[in-house]
PDB file of N, CA and C in Angstrom:
ATOM      1  N   MET A   1       0.821  -1.187   0.000  1.00  0.00           N
ATOM      2  CA  MET A   1       0.000   0.000   0.000  1.00  0.00           C
ATOM      3  C   MET A   1       0.864   1.250   0.000  1.00  0.00           C
ATOM      4  N   LEU A   2       1.947   1.216   0.758  1.00  0.00           N
ATOM      5  CA  LEU A   2       2.838   2.369   0.855  1.00  0.00           C
ATOM      6  C   LEU A   2       3.555   2.624  -0.459  1.00  0.00           C
ATOM      7  N   ASP A   3       3.961   1.546  -1.172  1.00  0.00           N
ATOM      8  CA  ASP A   3       4.631   1.701  -2.463  1.00  0.00           C
ATOM      9  C   ASP A   3       3.704   2.369  -3.482  1.00  0.00           C
ATOM     10  N   ALA A   4       2.466   1.957  -3.534  1.00  0.00           N
ATOM     11  CA  ALA A   4       1.507   2.525  -4.489  1.00  0.00           C
ATOM     12  C   ALA A   4       1.281   3.999  -4.189  1.00  0.00           C
ATOM     13  N   ARG A   5       1.214   4.321  -2.911  1.00  0.00           N
ATOM     14  CA  ARG A   5       0.997   5.717  -2.521  1.00  0.00           C
ATOM     15  C   ARG A   5       2.219   6.568  -2.874  1.00  0.00           C
ATOM     16  N   GLU A   6       3.418   6.034  -2.657  1.00  0.00           N
ATOM     17  CA  GLU A   6       4.652   6.762  -2.987  1.00  0.00           C
ATOM     18  C   GLU A   6       4.759   6.979  -4.498  1.00  0.00           C
ATOM     19  N   ARG A   7       4.400   5.941  -5.287  1.00  0.00           N
ATOM     20  CA  ARG A   7       4.424   6.086  -6.747  1.00  0.00           C
ATOM     21  C   ARG A   7       3.426   7.156  -7.207  1.00  0.00           C
ATOM     22  N   GLU A   8       2.268   7.142  -6.590  1.00  0.00           N
ATOM     23  CA  GLU A   8       1.246   8.124  -6.938  1.00  0.00           C
ATOM     24  C   GLU A   8       1.715   9.542  -6.607  1.00  0.00           C
ATOM     25  N   ILE A   9       2.340   9.696  -5.463  1.00  0.00           N
ATOM     26  CA  ILE A   9       2.880  11.006  -5.069  1.00  0.00           C
ATOM     27  C   ILE A   9       3.983  11.431  -6.028  1.00  0.00           C
ATOM     28  N   LYS A  10       4.832  10.499  -6.430  1.00  0.00           N
ATOM     29  CA  LYS A  10       5.915  10.801  -7.362  1.00  0.00           C
ATOM     30  C   LYS A  10       5.355  11.238  -8.719  1.00  0.00           C
ATOM     31  N   ILE A  11       4.333  10.533  -9.196  1.00  0.00           N
ATOM     32  CA  ILE A  11       3.713  10.880 -10.486  1.00  0.00           C
ATOM     33  C   ILE A  11       3.081  12.263 -10.405  1.00  0.00           C
ATOM     34  N   LEU A  12       2.366  12.515  -9.305  1.00  0.00           N
ATOM     35  CA  LEU A  12       1.736  13.825  -9.140  1.00  0.00           C
ATOM     36  C   LEU A  12       2.769  14.940  -9.033  1.00  0.00           C
ATOM     37  N   THR A  13       3.870  14.679  -8.372  1.00  0.00           N
ATOM     38  CA  THR A  13       4.937  15.665  -8.247  1.00  0.00           C
ATOM     39  C   THR A  13       5.541  15.979  -9.611  1.00  0.00           C
ATOM     40  N   GLU A  14       5.773  14.956 -10.433  1.00  0.00           N
ATOM     41  CA  GLU A  14       6.325  15.169 -11.771  1.00  0.00           C
ATOM     42  C   GLU A  14       5.369  15.987 -12.635  1.00  0.00           C
ATOM     43  N   LYS A  15       4.067  15.663 -12.547  1.00  0.00           N
ATOM     44  CA  LYS A  15       3.077  16.415 -13.315  1.00  0.00           C
ATOM     45  C   LYS A  15       3.023  17.873 -12.857  1.00  0.00           C
ATOM     46  N   LEU A  16       3.086  18.082 -11.559  1.00  0.00           N
ATOM     47  CA  LEU A  16       3.066  19.440 -11.017  1.00  0.00           C
ATOM     48  C   LEU A  16       4.292  20.229 -11.469  1.00  0.00           C
ATOM     49  N   GLU A  17       5.439  19.568 -11.506  1.00  0.00           N
ATOM     50  CA  GLU A  17       6.660  20.228 -11.984  1.00  0.00           C
ATOM     51  C   GLU A  17       6.532  20.607 -13.460  1.00  0.00           C
ATOM     52  N   ARG A  18       5.925  19.727 -14.269  1.00  0.00           N
ATOM     53  CA  ARG A  18       5.716  20.037 -15.685  1.00  0.00           C
ATOM     54  C   ARG A  18       4.771  21.230 -15.856  1.00  0.00           C
ATOM     55  N   VAL A  19       3.714  21.251 -15.061  1.00  0.00           N
ATOM     56  CA  VAL A  19       2.779  22.376 -15.132  1.00  0.00           C
ATOM     57  C   VAL A  19       3.486  23.666 -14.734  1.00  0.00           C
ATOM     58  N   ALA A  20       4.284  23.615 -13.682  1.00  0.00           N
ATOM     59  CA  ALA A  20       5.022  24.803 -13.237  1.00  0.00           C
ATOM     60  C   ALA A  20       5.994  25.276 -14.312  1.00  0.00           C
ATOM     61  N   THR A  21       6.653  24.346 -14.984  1.00  0.00           N
ATOM     62  CA  THR A  21       7.583  24.696 -16.058  1.00  0.00           C
ATOM     63  C   THR A  21       6.840  25.365 -17.215  1.00  0.00           C
ATOM     64  N   HIS A  22       5.693  24.824 -17.579  1.00  0.00           N
ATOM     65  CA  HIS A  22       4.890  25.414 -18.664  1.00  0.00           C
ATOM     66  C   HIS A  22       4.426  26.820 -18.287  1.00  0.00           C
ATOM     67  N   LEU A  23       3.993  26.990 -17.049  1.00  0.00           N
ATOM     68  CA  LEU A  23       3.538  28.312 -16.606  1.00  0.00           C
ATOM     69  C   LEU A  23       4.687  29.322 -16.633  1.00  0.00           C
ATOM     70  N   GLU A  24       5.865  28.896 -16.258  1.00  0.00           N
ATOM     71  CA  GLU A  24       7.028  29.792 -16.302  1.00  0.00           C
ATOM     72  C   GLU A  24       7.358  30.169 -17.736  1.00  0.00           C
ATOM     73  N   ARG A  25       7.284  29.207 -18.655  1.00  0.00           N
ATOM     74  CA  ARG A  25       7.569  29.494 -20.059  1.00  0.00           C
ATOM     75  C   ARG A  25       6.539  30.441 -20.657  1.00  0.00           C
ATOM     76  N   MET A  26       5.291  30.337 -20.221  1.00  0.00           N
ATOM     77  CA  MET A  26       4.232  31.176 -20.754  1.00  0.00           C
ATOM     78  C   MET A  26       4.229  32.570 -20.113  1.00  0.00           C
ATOM     79  N   ASN A  27       5.062  32.790 -19.131  1.00  0.00           N
ATOM     80  CA  ASN A  27       5.149  34.083 -18.458  1.00  0.00           C
ATOM     81  C   ASN A  27       3.823  34.491 -17.805  1.00  0.00           C
ATOM     82  N   ILE A  28       3.136  33.545 -17.239  1.00  0.00           N
ATOM     83  CA  ILE A  28       1.849  33.797 -16.602  1.00  0.00           C
ATOM     84  C   ILE A  28       2.015  34.756 -15.422  1.00  0.00           C
ATOM     85  N   GLY A  29       3.118  34.642 -14.720  1.00  0.00           N
ATOM     86  CA  GLY A  29       3.344  35.514 -13.564  1.00  0.00           C
ATOM     87  C   GLY A  29       3.366  36.982 -13.961  1.00  0.00           C
ATOM     88  N   ALA A  30       4.050  37.299 -15.051  1.00  0.00           N
ATOM     89  CA  ALA A  30       4.121  38.693 -15.516  1.00  0.00           C
ATOM     90  C   ALA A  30       2.751  39.173 -15.980  1.00  0.00           C
ATOM     91  N   TYR A  31       1.982  38.290 -16.604  1.00  0.00           N
ATOM     92  CA  TYR A  31       0.646  38.652 -17.073  1.00  0.00           C
ATOM     93  C   TYR A  31      -0.282  38.936 -15.884  1.00  0.00           C
ATOM     94  N   VAL A  32      -0.236  38.095 -14.870  1.00  0.00           N
ATOM     95  CA  VAL A  32      -1.068  38.305 -13.682  1.00  0.00           C
ATOM     96  C   VAL A  32      -0.663  39.593 -12.982  1.00  0.00           C
ATOM     97  N   GLU A  33       0.639  39.844 -12.902  1.00  0.00           N
ATOM     98  CA  GLU A  33       1.123  41.087 -12.288  1.00  0.00           C
ATOM     99  C   GLU A  33       0.622  42.303 -13.066  1.00  0.00           C
ATOM    100  N   LEU A  34       0.612  42.205 -14.391  1.00  0.00           N
ATOM    101  CA  LEU A  34       0.121  43.305 -15.219  1.00  0.00           C
ATOM    102  C   LEU A  34      -1.376  43.526 -15.003  1.00  0.00           C
ATOM    103  N   LEU A  35      -2.129  42.453 -14.858  1.00  0.00           N
ATOM    104  CA  LEU A  35      -3.569  42.581 -14.621  1.00  0.00           C
ATOM    105  C   LEU A  35      -3.875  43.217 -13.265  1.00  0.00           C
ATOM    106  N   GLN A  36      -2.958  43.082 -12.328  1.00  0.00           N
ATOM    107  CA  GLN A  36      -3.166  43.659 -11.007  1.00  0.00           C
ATOM    108  C   GLN A  36      -2.823  45.141 -10.976  1.00  0.00           C
ATOM    109  N   ARG A  37      -2.250  45.656 -12.069  1.00  0.00           N
ATOM    110  CA  ARG A  37      -1.908  47.078 -12.158  1.00  0.00           C
ATOM    111  C   ARG A  37      -2.623  47.679 -13.368  1.00  0.00           C
ATOM    112  N   PRO A  38      -3.893  48.036 -13.222  1.00  0.00           N
ATOM    113  CA  PRO A  38      -4.678  48.497 -14.363  1.00  0.00           C
ATOM    114  C   PRO A  38      -4.150  49.776 -15.010  1.00  0.00           C
ATOM    115  N   LYS A  39      -3.559  50.674 -14.238  1.00  0.00           N
ATOM    116  CA  LYS A  39      -3.027  51.910 -14.828  1.00  0.00           C
ATOM    117  C   LYS A  39      -1.895  51.597 -15.796  1.00  0.00           C
ATOM    118  N   ARG A  40      -1.042  50.677 -15.433  1.00  0.00           N
ATOM    119  CA  ARG A  40       0.061  50.288 -16.327  1.00  0.00           C
ATOM    120  C   ARG A  40      -0.480  49.591 -17.571  1.00  0.00           C
ATOM    121  N   LEU A  41      -1.491  48.759 -17.395  1.00  0.00           N
ATOM    122  CA  LEU A  41      -2.103  48.062 -18.527  1.00  0.00           C
ATOM    123  C   LEU A  41      -2.714  49.059 -19.506  1.00  0.00           C
ATOM    124  N   ILE A  42      -3.413  50.061 -18.980  1.00  0.00           N
ATOM    125  CA  ILE A  42      -4.005  51.093 -19.835  1.00  0.00           C
ATOM    126  C   ILE A  42      -2.915  51.873 -20.559  1.00  0.00           C
ATOM    127  N   PHE A  43      -1.861  52.233 -19.840  1.00  0.00           N
ATOM    128  CA  PHE A  43      -0.750  52.975 -20.455  1.00  0.00           C
ATOM    129  C   PHE A  43      -0.099  52.167 -21.577  1.00  0.00           C
ATOM    130  N   LEU A  44       0.155  50.898 -21.334  1.00  0.00           N
ATOM    131  CA  LEU A  44       0.793  50.063 -22.360  1.00  0.00           C
ATOM    132  C   LEU A  44      -0.109  49.890 -23.576  1.00  0.00           C
ATOM    133  N   ASN A  45      -1.415  49.736 -23.346  1.00  0.00           N
ATOM    134  CA  ASN A  45      -2.345  49.618 -24.476  1.00  0.00           C
ATOM    135  C   ASN A  45      -2.438  50.923 -25.253  1.00  0.00           C
ATOM    136  N   LEU A  46      -2.421  52.054 -24.555  1.00  0.00           N
ATOM    137  CA  LEU A  46      -2.442  53.355 -25.222  1.00  0.00           C
ATOM    138  C   LEU A  46      -1.183  53.530 -26.079  1.00  0.00           C
ATOM    139  N   LEU A  47      -0.045  53.203 -25.502  1.00  0.00           N
ATOM    140  CA  LEU A  47       1.219  53.315 -26.234  1.00  0.00           C
ATOM    141  C   LEU A  47       1.230  52.397 -27.460  1.00  0.00           C
ATOM    142  N   ALA A  48       0.705  51.193 -27.302  1.00  0.00           N
ATOM    143  CA  ALA A  48       0.643  50.260 -28.441  1.00  0.00           C
ATOM    144  C   ALA A  48      -0.286  50.792 -29.523  1.00  0.00           C
ATOM    145  N   GLY A  49      -1.405  51.389 -29.135  1.00  0.00           N
ATOM    146  CA  GLY A  49      -2.342  51.944 -30.114  1.00  0.00           C
ATOM    147  C   GLY A  49      -1.750  53.113 -30.872  1.00  0.00           C
ATOM    148  N   ILE A  50      -1.044  53.992 -30.161  1.00  0.00           N
ATOM    149  CA  ILE A  50      -0.393  55.136 -30.818  1.00  0.00           C
ATOM    150  C   ILE A  50       0.670  54.639 -31.794  1.00  0.00           C
ATOM    151  N   SER A  51       1.456  53.676 -31.371  1.00  0.00           N
ATOM    152  CA  SER A  51       2.508  53.129 -32.242  1.00  0.00           C
ATOM    153  C   SER A  51       1.902  52.481 -33.476  1.00  0.00           C
ATOM    154  N   ARG A  52       0.830  51.726 -33.285  1.00  0.00           N
ATOM    155  CA  ARG A  52       0.171  51.070 -34.414  1.00  0.00           C
ATOM    156  C   ARG A  52      -0.378  52.100 -35.396  1.00  0.00           C
ATOM    157  N   GLY A  53      -1.018  53.142 -34.869  1.00  0.00           N
ATOM    158  CA  GLY A  53      -1.565  54.192 -35.730  1.00  0.00           C
ATOM    159  C   GLY A  53      -0.479  54.920 -36.500  1.00  0.00           C
ATOM    160  N   PHE A  54       0.632  55.233 -35.821  1.00  0.00           N
ATOM    161  CA  PHE A  54       1.749  55.897 -36.483  1.00  0.00           C
ATOM    162  C   PHE A  54       2.333  55.012 -37.576  1.00  0.00           C
ATOM    163  N   GLY A  55       2.453  53.733 -37.296  1.00  0.00           N
ATOM    164  CA  GLY A  55       2.985  52.798 -38.289  1.00  0.00           C
ATOM    165  C   GLY A  55       2.090  52.686 -39.513  1.00  0.00           C
ATOM    166  N   ILE A  56       0.781  52.666 -39.284  1.00  0.00           N
ATOM    167  CA  ILE A  56      -0.156  52.591 -40.407  1.00  0.00           C
ATOM    168  C   ILE A  56      -0.058  53.855 -41.252  1.00  0.00           C
ATOM    169  N   ALA A  57      -0.007  55.013 -40.602  1.00  0.00           N
ATOM    170  CA  ALA A  57       0.080  56.284 -41.337  1.00  0.00           C
ATOM    171  C   ALA A  57       1.383  56.350 -42.139  1.00  0.00           C
ATOM    172  N   LEU A  58       2.477  55.953 -41.525  1.00  0.00           N
ATOM    173  CA  LEU A  58       3.770  55.977 -42.205  1.00  0.00           C
ATOM    174  C   LEU A  58       3.783  55.008 -43.385  1.00  0.00           C
ATOM    175  N   GLY A  59       3.253  53.821 -43.176  1.00  0.00           N
ATOM    176  CA  GLY A  59       3.205  52.831 -44.248  1.00  0.00           C
ATOM    177  C   GLY A  59       2.334  53.283 -45.411  1.00  0.00           C
ATOM    178  N   ALA A  60       1.178  53.871 -45.104  1.00  0.00           N
ATOM    179  CA  ALA A  60       0.284  54.359 -46.159  1.00  0.00           C
ATOM    180  C   ALA A  60       0.946  55.480 -46.949  1.00  0.00           C
ATOM    181  N   THR A  61       1.696  56.331 -46.260  1.00  0.00           N
ATOM    182  CA  THR A  61       2.395  57.420 -46.936  1.00  0.00           C
ATOM    183  C   THR A  61       3.445  56.883 -47.900  1.00  0.00           C
ATOM    184  N   VAL A  62       4.198  55.901 -47.458  1.00  0.00           N
ATOM    185  CA  VAL A  62       5.242  55.313 -48.312  1.00  0.00           C
ATOM    186  C   VAL A  62       4.610  54.624 -49.528  1.00  0.00           C
ATOM    187  N   VAL A  63       3.533  53.883 -49.315  1.00  0.00           N
ATOM    188  CA  VAL A  63       2.870  53.191 -50.423  1.00  0.00           C
ATOM    189  C   VAL A  63       2.297  54.201 -51.412  1.00  0.00           C
ATOM    190  N   ALA A  64       1.639  55.256 -50.909  1.00  0.00           N
ATOM    191  CA  ALA A  64       1.050  56.270 -51.790  1.00  0.00           C
ATOM    192  C   ALA A  64       2.133  57.007 -52.575  1.00  0.00           C
ATOM    193  N   ALA A  65       3.228  57.357 -51.911  1.00  0.00           N
ATOM    194  CA  ALA A  65       4.315  58.059 -52.595  1.00  0.00           C
ATOM    195  C   ALA A  65       4.927  57.184 -53.690  1.00  0.00           C
ATOM    196  N   THR A  66       5.117  55.917 -53.393  1.00  0.00           N
ATOM    197  CA  THR A  66       5.660  54.987 -54.394  1.00  0.00           C
ATOM    198  C   THR A  66       4.704  54.843 -55.567  1.00  0.00           C
ATOM    199  N   PHE A  67       3.414  54.738 -55.288  1.00  0.00           N
ATOM    200  CA  PHE A  67       2.407  54.622 -56.339  1.00  0.00           C
ATOM    201  C   PHE A  67       2.411  55.864 -57.227  1.00  0.00           C
ATOM    202  N   LEU A  68       2.455  57.043 -56.618  1.00  0.00           N
ATOM    203  CA  LEU A  68       2.464  58.283 -57.399  1.00  0.00           C
ATOM    204  C   LEU A  68       3.737  58.411 -58.226  1.00  0.00           C
ATOM    205  N   TYR A  69       4.849  58.008 -57.673  1.00  0.00           N
ATOM    206  CA  TYR A  69       6.117  58.047 -58.407  1.00  0.00           C
ATOM    207  C   TYR A  69       6.040  57.140 -59.637  1.00  0.00           C
ATOM    208  N   LEU A  70       5.570  55.907 -59.421  1.00  0.00           N
ATOM    209  CA  LEU A  70       5.461  54.969 -60.539  1.00  0.00           C
ATOM    210  C   LEU A  70       4.447  55.453 -61.570  1.00  0.00           C
ATOM    211  N   LEU A  71       3.371  56.078 -61.113  1.00  0.00           N
ATOM    212  CA  LEU A  71       2.369  56.632 -62.012  1.00  0.00           C
ATOM    213  C   LEU A  71       2.983  57.736 -62.883  1.00  0.00           C
ATOM    214  N   GLY A  72       3.772  58.583 -62.260  1.00  0.00           N
ATOM    215  CA  GLY A  72       4.449  59.653 -63.008  1.00  0.00           C
ATOM    216  C   GLY A  72       5.437  59.108 -64.026  1.00  0.00           C
ATOM    217  N   ARG A  73       6.176  58.074 -63.632  1.00  0.00           N
ATOM    218  CA  ARG A  73       7.130  57.464 -64.564  1.00  0.00           C
ATOM    219  C   ARG A  73       6.406  56.810 -65.741  1.00  0.00           C
ATOM    220  N   LEU A  74       5.283  56.179 -65.447  1.00  0.00           N
ATOM    221  CA  LEU A  74       4.511  55.536 -66.494  1.00  0.00           C
ATOM    222  C   LEU A  74       3.922  56.582 -67.443  1.00  0.00           C
ATOM    223  N   ALA A  75       3.524  57.715 -66.912  1.00  0.00           N
ATOM    224  CA  ALA A  75       2.969  58.789 -67.747  1.00  0.00           C
ATOM    225  C   ALA A  75       4.045  59.378 -68.656  1.00  0.00           C
ATOM    226  N   SER A  76       5.281  59.403 -68.188  1.00  0.00           N
ATOM    227  CA  SER A  76       6.355  59.981 -68.987  1.00  0.00           C
ATOM    228  C   SER A  76       6.778  59.083 -70.157  1.00  0.00           C
ATOM    229  N   LEU A  77       6.286  57.859 -70.205  1.00  0.00           N
ATOM    230  CA  LEU A  77       6.619  56.951 -71.311  1.00  0.00           C
ATOM    231  C   LEU A  77       5.835  57.281 -72.579  1.00  0.00           C
ATOM    232  N   ASN A  78       4.841  58.149 -72.447  1.00  0.00           N
ATOM    233  CA  ASN A  78       4.024  58.584 -73.575  1.00  0.00           C
ATOM    234  C   ASN A  78       3.338  57.433 -74.316  1.00  0.00           C
ATOM    235  N   ILE A  79       2.786  56.522 -73.576  1.00  0.00           N
ATOM    236  CA  ILE A  79       1.955  55.478 -74.173  1.00  0.00           C
ATOM    237  C   ILE A  79       0.618  56.149 -74.477  1.00  0.00           C
ATOM    238  N   PRO A  80       0.129  56.075 -75.724  1.00  0.00           N
ATOM    239  CA  PRO A  80      -1.007  56.900 -76.151  1.00  0.00           C
ATOM    240  C   PRO A  80      -2.206  56.924 -75.202  1.00  0.00           C
ATOM    241  N   LEU A  81      -2.895  55.846 -74.975  1.00  0.00           N
ATOM    242  CA  LEU A  81      -4.107  55.868 -74.155  1.00  0.00           C
ATOM    243  C   LEU A  81      -3.798  55.898 -72.662  1.00  0.00           C
ATOM    244  N   ILE A  82      -2.894  55.045 -72.259  1.00  0.00           N
ATOM    245  CA  ILE A  82      -2.577  54.933 -70.841  1.00  0.00           C
ATOM    246  C   ILE A  82      -1.872  56.184 -70.341  1.00  0.00           C
ATOM    247  N   GLY A  83      -0.979  56.739 -71.149  1.00  0.00           N
ATOM    248  CA  GLY A  83      -0.226  57.924 -70.741  1.00  0.00           C
ATOM    249  C   GLY A  83      -1.127  59.117 -70.472  1.00  0.00           C
ATOM    250  N   ASP A  84      -2.111  59.362 -71.334  1.00  0.00           N
ATOM    251  CA  ASP A  84      -3.038  60.469 -71.117  1.00  0.00           C
ATOM    252  C   ASP A  84      -3.872  60.270 -69.854  1.00  0.00           C
ATOM    253  N   PHE A  85      -4.360  59.049 -69.670  1.00  0.00           N
ATOM    254  CA  PHE A  85      -5.175  58.738 -68.502  1.00  0.00           C
ATOM    255  C   PHE A  85      -4.367  58.934 -67.218  1.00  0.00           C
ATOM    256  N   ILE A  86      -3.152  58.418 -67.195  1.00  0.00           N
ATOM    257  CA  ILE A  86      -2.299  58.534 -66.012  1.00  0.00           C
ATOM    258  C   ILE A  86      -1.895  59.988 -65.786  1.00  0.00           C
ATOM    259  N   ALA A  87      -1.645  60.728 -66.854  1.00  0.00           N
ATOM    260  CA  ALA A  87      -1.285  62.133 -66.716  1.00  0.00           C
ATOM    261  C   ALA A  87      -2.429  62.916 -66.079  1.00  0.00           C
ATOM    262  N   ARG A  88      -3.667  62.620 -66.469  1.00  0.00           N
ATOM    263  CA  ARG A  88      -4.822  63.296 -65.855  1.00  0.00           C
ATOM    264  C   ARG A  88      -4.932  62.954 -64.372  1.00  0.00           C
ATOM    265  N   ILE A  89      -4.746  61.673 -64.051  1.00  0.00           N
ATOM    266  CA  ILE A  89      -4.803  61.258 -62.643  1.00  0.00           C
ATOM    267  C   ILE A  89      -3.692  61.947 -61.851  1.00  0.00           C
ATOM    268  N   ALA A  90      -2.490  61.985 -62.412  1.00  0.00           N
ATOM    269  CA  ALA A  90      -1.368  62.617 -61.724  1.00  0.00           C
ATOM    270  C   ALA A  90      -1.629  64.106 -61.499  1.00  0.00           C
ATOM    271  N   ARG A  91      -2.212  64.788 -62.492  1.00  0.00           N
ATOM    272  CA  ARG A  91      -2.527  66.218 -62.331  1.00  0.00           C
ATOM    273  C   ARG A  91      -3.581  66.415 -61.225  1.00  0.00           C
ATOM    274  N   ILE A  92      -4.566  65.557 -61.188  1.00  0.00           N
ATOM    275  CA  ILE A  92      -5.601  65.677 -60.158  1.00  0.00           C
ATOM    276  C   ILE A  92      -4.991  65.481 -58.765  1.00  0.00           C
ATOM    277  N   VAL A  93      -4.140  64.468 -58.637  1.00  0.00           N
ATOM    278  CA  VAL A  93      -3.509  64.217 -57.353  1.00  0.00           C
ATOM    279  C   VAL A  93      -2.593  65.363 -56.960  1.00  0.00           C
ATOM    280  N   GLN A  94      -1.812  65.884 -57.902  1.00  0.00           N
ATOM    281  CA  GLN A  94      -0.917  66.997 -57.607  1.00  0.00           C
ATOM    282  C   GLN A  94      -1.716  68.230 -57.190  1.00  0.00           C
ATOM    283  N   ALA A  95      -2.873  68.446 -57.823  1.00  0.00           N
ATOM    284  CA  ALA A  95      -3.713  69.597 -57.471  1.00  0.00           C
ATOM    285  C   ALA A  95      -4.262  69.452 -56.050  1.00  0.00           C
ATOM    286  N   GLN A  96      -4.523  68.229 -55.626  1.00  0.00           N
ATOM    287  CA  GLN A  96      -5.060  67.995 -54.281  1.00  0.00           C
ATOM    288  C   GLN A  96      -4.002  68.122 -53.200  1.00  0.00           C
ATOM    289  N   LEU A  97      -2.753  67.935 -53.546  1.00  0.00           N
ATOM    290  CA  LEU A  97      -1.662  68.052 -52.569  1.00  0.00           C
ATOM    291  C   LEU A  97      -1.362  69.509 -52.383  1.00  0.00           C
TER     292      LEU A  97
END
């Protein structure tokens, strides 16, 4: 009876150690600590939102500038139908800037 109980305790101890190792790897302690400090959580979320918004604005600017540059280069090739159409679009965009 004692051997079976010792084996059971050993198995449970090993499982508990595995669970503890997984929790440490998942950084659950830091997450729980963050949840206990709502002001810090709000600040970090605000900072992440501002960074995300800035990144989106910067990325959109780079994509739009590249598109306009390529549009201008394509218009300068003087392809009869496409060149006129692109030149009109480029003039409209330049007028809006």
